Amino acid sequence: MKRIAVWIFYAIGTLAIAYLALYFYAAFTGRALVPGDPIHIFRKPDAPNYSAATDGALA
C-alpha cells in the first residue's frame, strides 16, 4: 500500500511539472499583449447579432 502511495505521489508531481512546463511554453511563445490593441474575437460572419435590440424587445 505504501508503494502505491509513493507512485501516486510521483505521478502527481510529474503532472504538476508537465503543467508548469506547458504554462511557461505558452507564456513565453504566445503573442505579446500591447495596451490599446483591440481584442480579436473570432466569430462567424453570418452569426446573428444578439446584442442589437433594435426591435424594442428589451425596452
C-alpha atoms as a PDB file:
ATOM      1  CA  MET A   1       0.000   0.000   0.000  1.00  0.00           C
ATOM      2  CA  LYS A   2       2.859   2.319   0.816  1.00  0.00           C
ATOM      3  CA  ARG A   3       4.455   1.626  -2.570  1.00  0.00           C
ATOM      4  CA  ILE A   4       1.211   2.595  -4.374  1.00  0.00           C
ATOM      5  CA  ALA A   5       1.063   5.844  -2.420  1.00  0.00           C
ATOM      6  CA  VAL A   6       4.623   6.659  -3.451  1.00  0.00           C
ATOM      7  CA  TRP A   7       3.815   6.019  -7.140  1.00  0.00           C
ATOM      8  CA  ILE A   8       0.695   8.213  -6.889  1.00  0.00           C
ATOM      9  CA  PHE A   9       2.819  10.945  -5.324  1.00  0.00           C
ATOM     10  CA  TYR A  10       5.337  10.685  -8.179  1.00  0.00           C
ATOM     11  CA  ALA A  11       2.540  10.751 -10.767  1.00  0.00           C
ATOM     12  CA  ILE A  12       1.007  13.902  -9.274  1.00  0.00           C
ATOM     13  CA  GLY A  13       4.421  15.565  -9.182  1.00  0.00           C
ATOM     14  CA  THR A  14       5.061  14.629 -12.804  1.00  0.00           C
ATOM     15  CA  LEU A  15       1.710  16.069 -13.854  1.00  0.00           C
ATOM     16  CA  ALA A  16       2.421  19.276 -11.955  1.00  0.00           C
ATOM     17  CA  ILE A  17       5.822  19.687 -13.613  1.00  0.00           C
ATOM     18  CA  ALA A  18       4.306  18.980 -17.047  1.00  0.00           C
ATOM     19  CA  TYR A  19       1.589  21.573 -16.405  1.00  0.00           C
ATOM     20  CA  LEU A  20       4.160  24.185 -15.394  1.00  0.00           C
ATOM     21  CA  ALA A  21       6.268  23.399 -18.454  1.00  0.00           C
ATOM     22  CA  LEU A  22       3.259  23.869 -20.741  1.00  0.00           C
ATOM     23  CA  TYR A  23       2.338  27.092 -18.948  1.00  0.00           C
ATOM     24  CA  PHE A  24       5.800  28.557 -19.387  1.00  0.00           C
ATOM     25  CA  TYR A  25       5.881  27.450 -23.019  1.00  0.00           C
ATOM     26  CA  ALA A  26       2.557  29.181 -23.686  1.00  0.00           C
ATOM     27  CA  ALA A  27       3.563  32.282 -21.722  1.00  0.00           C
ATOM     28  CA  PHE A  28       6.876  32.816 -23.488  1.00  0.00           C
ATOM     29  CA  THR A  29       5.887  31.822 -27.021  1.00  0.00           C
ATOM     30  CA  GLY A  30       2.477  33.493 -27.063  1.00  0.00           C
ATOM     31  CA  ARG A  31       1.590  36.785 -28.628  1.00  0.00           C
ATOM     32  CA  ALA A  32       2.592  39.827 -26.602  1.00  0.00           C
ATOM     33  CA  LEU A  33      -0.199  41.943 -25.164  1.00  0.00           C
ATOM     34  CA  VAL A  34       0.073  45.613 -26.068  1.00  0.00           C
ATOM     35  CA  PRO A  35      -2.127  48.172 -24.310  1.00  0.00           C
ATOM     36  CA  GLY A  36      -4.561  49.781 -26.717  1.00  0.00           C
ATOM     37  CA  ASP A  37      -4.684  46.902 -29.181  1.00  0.00           C
ATOM     38  CA  PRO A  38      -8.181  45.614 -29.848  1.00  0.00           C
ATOM     39  CA  ILE A  39      -9.190  42.200 -28.598  1.00  0.00           C
ATOM     40  CA  HIS A  40      -9.683  39.871 -31.550  1.00  0.00           C
ATOM     41  CA  ILE A  41     -12.752  37.703 -31.135  1.00  0.00           C
ATOM     42  CA  PHE A  42     -13.231  35.240 -33.957  1.00  0.00           C
ATOM     43  CA  ARG A  43     -16.836  34.535 -34.862  1.00  0.00           C
ATOM     44  CA  LYS A  44     -18.760  33.506 -37.926  1.00  0.00           C
ATOM     45  CA  PRO A  45     -19.537  36.500 -40.167  1.00  0.00           C
ATOM     46  CA  ASP A  46     -23.128  35.369 -40.688  1.00  0.00           C
ATOM     47  CA  ALA A  47     -23.870  34.873 -36.973  1.00  0.00           C
ATOM     48  CA  PRO A  48     -26.859  36.831 -35.658  1.00  0.00           C
ATOM     49  CA  ASN A  49     -26.192  39.968 -33.630  1.00  0.00           C
ATOM     50  CA  TYR A  50     -27.913  39.312 -30.312  1.00  0.00           C
ATOM     51  CA  SER A  51     -26.633  42.486 -28.673  1.00  0.00           C
ATOM     52  CA  ALA A  52     -28.513  44.810 -31.013  1.00  0.00           C
ATOM     53  CA  ALA A  53     -32.063  45.044 -29.661  1.00  0.00           C
ATOM     54  CA  THR A  54     -33.413  47.201 -32.480  1.00  0.00           C
ATOM     55  CA  ASP A  55     -36.950  45.828 -32.491  1.00  0.00           C
ATOM     56  CA  GLY A  56     -37.734  47.140 -28.991  1.00  0.00           C
ATOM     57  CA  ALA A  57     -37.803  43.672 -27.443  1.00  0.00           C
ATOM     58  CA  LEU A  58     -35.865  44.757 -24.365  1.00  0.00           C
ATOM     59  CA  ALA A  59     -37.446  48.182 -23.952  1.00  0.00           C
END
